[in-house]
Every structure is written in C-alpha cells, then in structure tokens.
Amino acid sequence: MNEKLLQFIWRFRYFHFTDLQTVNGEKLTIIYSGQYNEHQGPDFLEAKIKLEETILVGSIELHVKASDWELHQHSQDSQYDNIILHVVWRNDKTIQTQYPFATLELQSYVSNILLERYDYLLQQPTRFIACQDYLPVLSELNWISWKERLGIERLRRKSVFILDRLPQYKNDWAAVFWEEIAAGFGIKINAEAFRQIAKTIPVSIVRRQRNSLIVLEALLLGQAGLLNRDFEEEYPNQLKKE
C-alpha cells in the first residue's frame, strides 16, 4: 500500500462505505468524501461526515500508517487544525492532537480483488497506458469523433458562460475579455481571485493607462492587497506611491 493508491481508493470510494466504524467503535457515515487537494495542506477539503449523531464539515487527511501524522509534523501546521477524520491503512499508533479527530482504519473495508488488480498492473511491462488491455476496442474513426465531441462541448460550455455575462456589461466585449484574460492568468486554482481583481479595475482605466506599465502594475497589485505594508525596496514603494 502507498499513499497515492490510498488517495485513489478514497477519492473514488473504492471501499465498502456502509457500516463504517472508527477505531474507537463510533458509527461513521461518509456524506461527502471531500474535494481532492493537489496543493499544500490536507488531502481532501470540504468533506462532510456523520459521527454517531453529529455532522462534521472539514478536511480529511490520509496516511498509510497513523504514525505518519507525527512523521510529517502535521500537528505543527495550522492548515491541519480543521481535520475531522484521519483515514489510515494501518492504525499503528494513537495520535494526540490539540484538536482531536476520529480515525478510520480502511484496510478491512477494501476488496482484495482491487489490490490484486493493482499489483498485477504494476508488474506489467511499461506501457503508454497500464490498463490498456481493459479498455474497450474502438476504431480510429470513433476515437476521433469522441475527441471532436469533447472539444465542441468544452467550447460550448465556455461560450455560454461568456454570453451569459455580456448583458451585465451592456454587451461590452472588451470588459468581459479583460476579466477572462485575467482569470486565465490565474490558471485554475486562482482564476476566480484574478477575475475578482479585474472586476475592480474598469477596462476603460486599463485602456487609458495601457502605455504606463508602472501605473498598471500599481493598480493590479494594489487592488490585490499586495501593497498594504511597508517596503524597503525602491520599486514596491514607487508602486505604493503611484
């Protein structure tokens, strides 16, 4: 067992999730297993569980061994203060924390067939897709048609999002484009934050100051709240003054 496999099992619920019990014998119901977190912090965010008769909302952390909690020094990290459930493959140690949480030992709820299939795939020669023998056989024409369909649906979804917002800006395409290009620079995780910053700066001001880099940087960084402190360097002080 490794942590990546454990995360996969939890994320896609490849375990028997009825009649769950914590290591202390408490009845556990998984209402929502959480949003998988690919960045720093707990493995799953915004999860929702029912412990006996109490509903809890918060983060879930996964480890192969319970003692890995101490090995990774999570107790010293405030990002782990809202853990509501510690999911482990093997409960080798009782963890004492400032903010207590329940512990679920998962190994007795996972099918041996799943683990055997995983081991089998790992032992196969290196391939482009390890599980390709289990994929349905499709003709090249069907593959192309499927990918084209996915592309069309993605374009349609993005178009509807933009067209729905146009009336809010009195059909000003430039205003919508300004916000969307800002969101694009935020990539996925920061897209909404970047869009909100762009909303506070009308595109008319961007047009007016388009030839002044320092003014544009001062506006963007200032509206993002990044100039609200004292600096020793000359350039951020110049931006702050601007």
C-alpha atoms as a PDB file:
ATOM      1  CA  MET A   1       0.000   0.000   0.000  1.00  0.00           C
ATOM      2  CA  ASN A   2       1.165   3.536  -0.753  1.00  0.00           C
ATOM      3  CA  GLU A   3      -0.387   6.941  -0.162  1.00  0.00           C
ATOM      4  CA  LYS A   4      -1.257   7.581  -3.820  1.00  0.00           C
ATOM      5  CA  LEU A   5      -3.249   4.351  -4.013  1.00  0.00           C
ATOM      6  CA  LEU A   6      -4.918   5.143  -0.698  1.00  0.00           C
ATOM      7  CA  GLN A   7      -5.951   8.580  -2.015  1.00  0.00           C
ATOM      8  CA  PHE A   8      -7.294   6.955  -5.188  1.00  0.00           C
ATOM      9  CA  ILE A   9      -9.367   4.458  -3.202  1.00  0.00           C
ATOM     10  CA  TRP A  10     -10.804   7.218  -1.025  1.00  0.00           C
ATOM     11  CA  ARG A  11     -11.394   9.694  -3.865  1.00  0.00           C
ATOM     12  CA  PHE A  12     -13.413   7.258  -5.968  1.00  0.00           C
ATOM     13  CA  ARG A  13     -14.902   5.409  -2.993  1.00  0.00           C
ATOM     14  CA  TYR A  14     -13.492   2.000  -3.847  1.00  0.00           C
ATOM     15  CA  PHE A  15     -14.284   0.693  -0.374  1.00  0.00           C
ATOM     16  CA  HIS A  16     -17.288  -0.640   1.491  1.00  0.00           C
ATOM     17  CA  PHE A  17     -18.737   2.592   2.856  1.00  0.00           C
ATOM     18  CA  THR A  18     -21.679   1.066   4.712  1.00  0.00           C
ATOM     19  CA  ASP A  19     -21.397   0.094   8.391  1.00  0.00           C
ATOM     20  CA  LEU A  20     -18.166   2.032   8.857  1.00  0.00           C
ATOM     21  CA  GLN A  21     -16.720   2.337  12.347  1.00  0.00           C
ATOM     22  CA  THR A  22     -13.831   4.391  13.674  1.00  0.00           C
ATOM     23  CA  VAL A  23     -11.025   2.748  15.620  1.00  0.00           C
ATOM     24  CA  ASN A  24     -12.910   3.774  18.789  1.00  0.00           C
ATOM     25  CA  GLY A  25     -16.054   1.940  17.667  1.00  0.00           C
ATOM     26  CA  GLU A  26     -18.036   5.060  16.704  1.00  0.00           C
ATOM     27  CA  LYS A  27     -20.530   4.761  13.842  1.00  0.00           C
ATOM     28  CA  LEU A  28     -19.266   6.691  10.811  1.00  0.00           C
ATOM     29  CA  THR A  29     -21.149   7.810   7.704  1.00  0.00           C
ATOM     30  CA  ILE A  30     -19.378   9.470   4.788  1.00  0.00           C
ATOM     31  CA  ILE A  31     -21.757  12.087   3.382  1.00  0.00           C
ATOM     32  CA  TYR A  32     -19.152  13.681   1.096  1.00  0.00           C
ATOM     33  CA  SER A  33     -15.603  12.353   0.881  1.00  0.00           C
ATOM     34  CA  GLY A  34     -14.198  15.801   0.095  1.00  0.00           C
ATOM     35  CA  GLN A  35     -12.562  17.685  -2.733  1.00  0.00           C
ATOM     36  CA  TYR A  36      -9.182  16.261  -3.702  1.00  0.00           C
ATOM     37  CA  ASN A  37      -6.452  18.775  -2.893  1.00  0.00           C
ATOM     38  CA  GLU A  38      -3.452  18.757  -5.249  1.00  0.00           C
ATOM     39  CA  HIS A  39      -1.708  21.557  -3.359  1.00  0.00           C
ATOM     40  CA  GLN A  40      -0.359  22.087   0.154  1.00  0.00           C
ATOM     41  CA  GLY A  41      -2.493  21.088   3.103  1.00  0.00           C
ATOM     42  CA  PRO A  42      -4.843  18.178   3.844  1.00  0.00           C
ATOM     43  CA  ASP A  43      -5.557  15.602   1.147  1.00  0.00           C
ATOM     44  CA  PHE A  44      -9.312  16.292   0.937  1.00  0.00           C
ATOM     45  CA  LEU A  45     -11.114  19.565   1.658  1.00  0.00           C
ATOM     46  CA  GLU A  46     -14.710  20.487   2.491  1.00  0.00           C
ATOM     47  CA  ALA A  47     -15.614  16.913   3.415  1.00  0.00           C
ATOM     48  CA  LYS A  48     -18.790  16.098   5.323  1.00  0.00           C
ATOM     49  CA  ILE A  49     -19.227  13.159   7.676  1.00  0.00           C
ATOM     50  CA  LYS A  50     -21.620  11.989  10.360  1.00  0.00           C
ATOM     51  CA  LEU A  51     -20.015  10.676  13.531  1.00  0.00           C
ATOM     52  CA  GLU A  52     -22.666   8.919  15.618  1.00  0.00           C
ATOM     53  CA  GLU A  53     -25.342  11.670  15.578  1.00  0.00           C
ATOM     54  CA  THR A  54     -23.033  14.636  14.947  1.00  0.00           C
ATOM     55  CA  ILE A  55     -22.433  16.072  11.461  1.00  0.00           C
ATOM     56  CA  LEU A  56     -18.944  17.474  10.888  1.00  0.00           C
ATOM     57  CA  VAL A  57     -17.565  19.505   7.984  1.00  0.00           C
ATOM     58  CA  GLY A  58     -13.854  19.990   7.402  1.00  0.00           C
ATOM     59  CA  SER A  59     -10.726  18.363   5.976  1.00  0.00           C
ATOM     60  CA  ILE A  60      -9.624  14.728   5.767  1.00  0.00           C
ATOM     61  CA  GLU A  61      -6.014  13.553   5.850  1.00  0.00           C
ATOM     62  CA  LEU A  62      -4.846  10.136   4.608  1.00  0.00           C
ATOM     63  CA  HIS A  63      -1.780   8.151   5.666  1.00  0.00           C
ATOM     64  CA  VAL A  64      -0.588   4.597   5.167  1.00  0.00           C
ATOM     65  CA  LYS A  65       0.228   4.455   8.885  1.00  0.00           C
ATOM     66  CA  ALA A  66      -1.323   6.579  11.617  1.00  0.00           C
ATOM     67  CA  SER A  67       2.167   7.394  12.930  1.00  0.00           C
ATOM     68  CA  ASP A  68       2.901   9.198   9.646  1.00  0.00           C
ATOM     69  CA  TRP A  69       0.919  12.107  11.114  1.00  0.00           C
ATOM     70  CA  GLU A  70       3.750  12.738  13.548  1.00  0.00           C
ATOM     71  CA  LEU A  71       6.419  11.870  10.981  1.00  0.00           C
ATOM     72  CA  HIS A  72       5.084  14.643   8.699  1.00  0.00           C
ATOM     73  CA  GLN A  73       4.768  17.034  11.678  1.00  0.00           C
ATOM     74  CA  HIS A  74       1.159  17.972  10.885  1.00  0.00           C
ATOM     75  CA  SER A  75       0.483  18.999  14.478  1.00  0.00           C
ATOM     76  CA  GLN A  76       2.814  21.982  13.947  1.00  0.00           C
ATOM     77  CA  ASP A  77       0.972  23.094  10.806  1.00  0.00           C
ATOM     78  CA  SER A  78      -2.169  25.242  11.229  1.00  0.00           C
ATOM     79  CA  GLN A  79      -3.507  24.001   7.872  1.00  0.00           C
ATOM     80  CA  TYR A  80      -4.362  20.746   9.668  1.00  0.00           C
ATOM     81  CA  ASP A  81      -6.287  22.307  12.565  1.00  0.00           C
ATOM     82  CA  ASN A  82      -9.685  21.561  10.970  1.00  0.00           C
ATOM     83  CA  ILE A  83      -9.158  17.832  10.342  1.00  0.00           C
ATOM     84  CA  ILE A  84     -12.379  15.943  11.058  1.00  0.00           C
ATOM     85  CA  LEU A  85     -11.177  12.460  10.045  1.00  0.00           C
ATOM     86  CA  HIS A  86      -7.822  10.705   9.796  1.00  0.00           C
ATOM     87  CA  VAL A  87      -8.043   7.857   7.275  1.00  0.00           C
ATOM     88  CA  VAL A  88      -5.224   5.318   7.624  1.00  0.00           C
ATOM     89  CA  TRP A  89      -4.462   1.943   6.131  1.00  0.00           C
ATOM     90  CA  ARG A  90      -2.996   0.696   9.396  1.00  0.00           C
ATOM     91  CA  ASN A  91      -3.654   2.247  12.790  1.00  0.00           C
ATOM     92  CA  ASP A  92      -0.264   1.648  14.374  1.00  0.00           C
ATOM     93  CA  LYS A  93      -0.411   4.487  16.888  1.00  0.00           C
ATOM     94  CA  THR A  94      -2.923   6.635  18.774  1.00  0.00           C
ATOM     95  CA  ILE A  95      -2.436  10.264  17.780  1.00  0.00           C
ATOM     96  CA  GLN A  96      -2.890  13.006  20.384  1.00  0.00           C
ATOM     97  CA  THR A  97      -3.567  16.490  18.988  1.00  0.00           C
ATOM     98  CA  GLN A  98      -4.792  19.853  20.224  1.00  0.00           C
ATOM     99  CA  TYR A  99      -7.901  19.424  18.072  1.00  0.00           C
ATOM    100  CA  PRO A 100      -8.978  15.744  18.374  1.00  0.00           C
ATOM    101  CA  PHE A 101     -10.343  13.909  15.336  1.00  0.00           C
ATOM    102  CA  ALA A 102     -11.724  10.455  14.578  1.00  0.00           C
ATOM    103  CA  THR A 103      -9.573   7.795  12.899  1.00  0.00           C
ATOM    104  CA  LEU A 104     -10.764   5.262  10.324  1.00  0.00           C
ATOM    105  CA  GLU A 105      -8.644   2.185   9.557  1.00  0.00           C
ATOM    106  CA  LEU A 106      -9.544   1.467   5.945  1.00  0.00           C
ATOM    107  CA  GLN A 107      -7.876  -1.848   5.134  1.00  0.00           C
ATOM    108  CA  SER A 108     -10.739  -4.030   6.357  1.00  0.00           C
ATOM    109  CA  TYR A 109     -13.172  -2.168   4.059  1.00  0.00           C
ATOM    110  CA  VAL A 110     -11.217  -2.593   0.793  1.00  0.00           C
ATOM    111  CA  SER A 111     -11.645  -5.566  -1.526  1.00  0.00           C
ATOM    112  CA  ASN A 112      -8.612  -7.816  -2.011  1.00  0.00           C
ATOM    113  CA  ILE A 113      -9.539  -8.064  -5.702  1.00  0.00           C
ATOM    114  CA  LEU A 114      -8.826  -4.354  -6.147  1.00  0.00           C
ATOM    115  CA  LEU A 115      -5.393  -4.693  -4.523  1.00  0.00           C
ATOM    116  CA  GLU A 116      -4.560  -7.787  -6.592  1.00  0.00           C
ATOM    117  CA  ARG A 117      -5.523  -5.954  -9.797  1.00  0.00           C
ATOM    118  CA  TYR A 118      -3.328  -3.022  -8.793  1.00  0.00           C
ATOM    119  CA  ASP A 119      -0.349  -5.297  -8.124  1.00  0.00           C
ATOM    120  CA  TYR A 120      -0.928  -7.027 -11.472  1.00  0.00           C
ATOM    121  CA  LEU A 121      -0.851  -3.736 -13.369  1.00  0.00           C
ATOM    122  CA  LEU A 122       2.346  -2.666 -11.596  1.00  0.00           C
ATOM    123  CA  GLN A 123       4.061  -5.872 -12.669  1.00  0.00           C
ATOM    124  CA  GLN A 124       3.237  -5.402 -16.353  1.00  0.00           C
ATOM    125  CA  PRO A 125       5.877  -4.115 -18.798  1.00  0.00           C
ATOM    126  CA  THR A 126       5.993  -0.333 -19.177  1.00  0.00           C
ATOM    127  CA  ARG A 127       3.224   0.848 -21.490  1.00  0.00           C
ATOM    128  CA  PHE A 128       1.670   4.106 -22.581  1.00  0.00           C
ATOM    129  CA  ILE A 129      -1.463   3.196 -20.575  1.00  0.00           C
ATOM    130  CA  ALA A 130      -1.015   0.490 -17.941  1.00  0.00           C
ATOM    131  CA  CYS A 131      -4.651  -0.652 -18.105  1.00  0.00           C
ATOM    132  CA  GLN A 132      -4.925  -0.604 -21.916  1.00  0.00           C
ATOM    133  CA  ASP A 133      -5.925  -4.287 -22.010  1.00  0.00           C
ATOM    134  CA  TYR A 134      -9.111  -3.371 -20.143  1.00  0.00           C
ATOM    135  CA  LEU A 135     -10.109  -0.534 -22.443  1.00  0.00           C
ATOM    136  CA  PRO A 136     -12.881  -1.138 -24.995  1.00  0.00           C
ATOM    137  CA  VAL A 137     -11.645  -1.598 -28.526  1.00  0.00           C
ATOM    138  CA  LEU A 138     -12.624   1.426 -30.620  1.00  0.00           C
ATOM    139  CA  SER A 139     -11.887   2.216 -34.228  1.00  0.00           C
ATOM    140  CA  GLU A 140      -9.755   5.250 -35.101  1.00  0.00           C
ATOM    141  CA  LEU A 141     -12.865   6.938 -36.507  1.00  0.00           C
ATOM    142  CA  ASN A 142     -14.727   6.507 -33.208  1.00  0.00           C
ATOM    143  CA  TRP A 143     -11.776   7.883 -31.244  1.00  0.00           C
ATOM    144  CA  ILE A 144     -11.622  10.986 -33.481  1.00  0.00           C
ATOM    145  CA  SER A 145     -15.389  11.512 -33.275  1.00  0.00           C
ATOM    146  CA  TRP A 146     -15.310  11.236 -29.478  1.00  0.00           C
ATOM    147  CA  LYS A 147     -12.467  13.752 -29.136  1.00  0.00           C
ATOM    148  CA  GLU A 148     -14.180  16.175 -31.522  1.00  0.00           C
ATOM    149  CA  ARG A 149     -17.359  15.898 -29.487  1.00  0.00           C
ATOM    150  CA  LEU A 150     -15.458  16.673 -26.277  1.00  0.00           C
ATOM    151  CA  GLY A 151     -13.894  19.723 -27.927  1.00  0.00           C
ATOM    152  CA  ILE A 152     -17.270  21.013 -29.114  1.00  0.00           C
ATOM    153  CA  GLU A 153     -18.870  20.545 -25.686  1.00  0.00           C
ATOM    154  CA  ARG A 154     -15.991  22.366 -23.988  1.00  0.00           C
ATOM    155  CA  LEU A 155     -16.226  25.283 -26.415  1.00  0.00           C
ATOM    156  CA  ARG A 156     -19.997  25.443 -25.980  1.00  0.00           C
ATOM    157  CA  ARG A 157     -19.688  25.447 -22.173  1.00  0.00           C
ATOM    158  CA  LYS A 158     -17.172  28.318 -22.260  1.00  0.00           C
ATOM    159  CA  SER A 159     -19.260  30.243 -24.797  1.00  0.00           C
ATOM    160  CA  VAL A 160     -22.419  30.010 -22.695  1.00  0.00           C
ATOM    161  CA  PHE A 161     -20.513  31.301 -19.654  1.00  0.00           C
ATOM    162  CA  ILE A 162     -19.297  34.367 -21.577  1.00  0.00           C
ATOM    163  CA  LEU A 163     -22.564  35.083 -23.397  1.00  0.00           C
ATOM    164  CA  ASP A 164     -24.500  34.938 -20.116  1.00  0.00           C
ATOM    165  CA  ARG A 165     -22.277  37.676 -18.685  1.00  0.00           C
ATOM    166  CA  LEU A 166     -22.401  40.037 -21.653  1.00  0.00           C
ATOM    167  CA  PRO A 167     -25.714  41.728 -20.635  1.00  0.00           C
ATOM    168  CA  GLN A 168     -24.173  42.636 -17.254  1.00  0.00           C
ATOM    169  CA  TYR A 169     -21.624  44.745 -19.130  1.00  0.00           C
ATOM    170  CA  LYS A 170     -24.073  46.238 -21.656  1.00  0.00           C
ATOM    171  CA  ASN A 171     -22.615  43.989 -24.377  1.00  0.00           C
ATOM    172  CA  ASP A 172     -19.110  45.383 -23.901  1.00  0.00           C
ATOM    173  CA  TRP A 173     -16.986  42.537 -25.236  1.00  0.00           C
ATOM    174  CA  ALA A 174     -13.770  44.246 -24.136  1.00  0.00           C
ATOM    175  CA  ALA A 175     -14.907  44.335 -20.495  1.00  0.00           C
ATOM    176  CA  VAL A 176     -15.728  40.619 -20.496  1.00  0.00           C
ATOM    177  CA  PHE A 177     -12.487  39.810 -22.320  1.00  0.00           C
ATOM    178  CA  TRP A 178     -10.481  41.781 -19.729  1.00  0.00           C
ATOM    179  CA  GLU A 179     -11.881  39.735 -16.878  1.00  0.00           C
ATOM    180  CA  GLU A 180     -11.479  36.429 -18.701  1.00  0.00           C
ATOM    181  CA  ILE A 181      -7.879  37.062 -19.665  1.00  0.00           C
ATOM    182  CA  ALA A 182      -7.159  37.959 -16.016  1.00  0.00           C
ATOM    183  CA  ALA A 183      -8.808  34.693 -14.923  1.00  0.00           C
ATOM    184  CA  GLY A 184      -6.681  32.852 -17.473  1.00  0.00           C
ATOM    185  CA  PHE A 185      -3.506  34.140 -15.864  1.00  0.00           C
ATOM    186  CA  GLY A 186      -4.770  32.802 -12.531  1.00  0.00           C
ATOM    187  CA  ILE A 187      -4.930  29.333 -14.088  1.00  0.00           C
ATOM    188  CA  LYS A 188      -7.427  27.022 -12.368  1.00  0.00           C
ATOM    189  CA  ILE A 189      -6.746  27.460  -8.674  1.00  0.00           C
ATOM    190  CA  ASN A 190      -6.570  31.288  -8.701  1.00  0.00           C
ATOM    191  CA  ALA A 191      -8.856  32.031 -11.654  1.00  0.00           C
ATOM    192  CA  GLU A 192     -11.726  33.415  -9.579  1.00  0.00           C
ATOM    193  CA  ALA A 193      -9.419  35.539  -7.409  1.00  0.00           C
ATOM    194  CA  PHE A 194      -7.814  37.065 -10.514  1.00  0.00           C
ATOM    195  CA  ARG A 195     -11.238  37.665 -12.051  1.00  0.00           C
ATOM    196  CA  GLN A 196     -12.383  39.494  -8.915  1.00  0.00           C
ATOM    197  CA  ILE A 197      -9.302  41.741  -9.041  1.00  0.00           C
ATOM    198  CA  ALA A 198     -10.013  42.565 -12.690  1.00  0.00           C
ATOM    199  CA  LYS A 199     -13.611  43.425 -11.788  1.00  0.00           C
ATOM    200  CA  THR A 200     -12.380  46.224  -9.509  1.00  0.00           C
ATOM    201  CA  ILE A 201     -10.464  47.870 -12.366  1.00  0.00           C
ATOM    202  CA  PRO A 202     -12.744  49.002 -15.236  1.00  0.00           C
ATOM    203  CA  VAL A 203     -11.405  48.219 -18.679  1.00  0.00           C
ATOM    204  CA  SER A 204     -11.669  51.944 -19.520  1.00  0.00           C
ATOM    205  CA  ILE A 205      -8.902  52.631 -16.971  1.00  0.00           C
ATOM    206  CA  VAL A 206      -6.790  49.821 -18.426  1.00  0.00           C
ATOM    207  CA  ARG A 207      -7.192  51.390 -21.875  1.00  0.00           C
ATOM    208  CA  ARG A 208      -6.287  54.833 -20.582  1.00  0.00           C
ATOM    209  CA  GLN A 209      -3.134  53.608 -18.822  1.00  0.00           C
ATOM    210  CA  ARG A 210      -2.110  50.984 -21.357  1.00  0.00           C
ATOM    211  CA  ASN A 211       1.197  52.747 -22.131  1.00  0.00           C
ATOM    212  CA  SER A 212       2.232  53.089 -18.487  1.00  0.00           C
ATOM    213  CA  LEU A 213       3.475  49.807 -17.096  1.00  0.00           C
ATOM    214  CA  ILE A 214       4.102  51.145 -13.604  1.00  0.00           C
ATOM    215  CA  VAL A 215       0.553  52.502 -13.293  1.00  0.00           C
ATOM    216  CA  LEU A 216      -0.961  49.210 -14.450  1.00  0.00           C
ATOM    217  CA  GLU A 217       1.214  47.191 -12.053  1.00  0.00           C
ATOM    218  CA  ALA A 218       0.363  49.569  -9.208  1.00  0.00           C
ATOM    219  CA  LEU A 219      -3.350  49.202  -9.927  1.00  0.00           C
ATOM    220  CA  LEU A 220      -3.272  45.409 -10.143  1.00  0.00           C
ATOM    221  CA  LEU A 221      -1.009  44.791  -7.157  1.00  0.00           C
ATOM    222  CA  GLY A 222      -2.777  47.452  -5.110  1.00  0.00           C
ATOM    223  CA  GLN A 223      -6.252  46.063  -5.798  1.00  0.00           C
ATOM    224  CA  ALA A 224      -4.919  42.613  -4.921  1.00  0.00           C
ATOM    225  CA  GLY A 225      -3.939  43.972  -1.492  1.00  0.00           C
ATOM    226  CA  LEU A 226      -0.222  43.320  -2.013  1.00  0.00           C
ATOM    227  CA  LEU A 227       0.929  46.896  -1.366  1.00  0.00           C
ATOM    228  CA  ASN A 228      -0.669  47.305   2.069  1.00  0.00           C
ATOM    229  CA  ARG A 229       2.579  47.176   4.028  1.00  0.00           C
ATOM    230  CA  ASP A 230       5.938  48.902   4.343  1.00  0.00           C
ATOM    231  CA  PHE A 231       8.742  48.036   1.937  1.00  0.00           C
ATOM    232  CA  GLU A 232      12.490  48.611   1.982  1.00  0.00           C
ATOM    233  CA  GLU A 233      12.957  48.229  -1.779  1.00  0.00           C
ATOM    234  CA  GLU A 234      12.507  51.237  -4.038  1.00  0.00           C
ATOM    235  CA  TYR A 235      10.247  49.699  -6.676  1.00  0.00           C
ATOM    236  CA  PRO A 236       7.370  48.458  -4.438  1.00  0.00           C
ATOM    237  CA  ASN A 237       7.467  51.852  -2.645  1.00  0.00           C
ATOM    238  CA  GLN A 238       7.156  53.539  -6.030  1.00  0.00           C
ATOM    239  CA  LEU A 239       4.162  51.300  -6.846  1.00  0.00           C
ATOM    240  CA  LYS A 240       2.618  52.084  -3.472  1.00  0.00           C
ATOM    241  CA  LYS A 241       3.043  55.827  -4.036  1.00  0.00           C
ATOM    242  CA  GLU A 242       1.502  55.527  -7.511  1.00  0.00           C
END
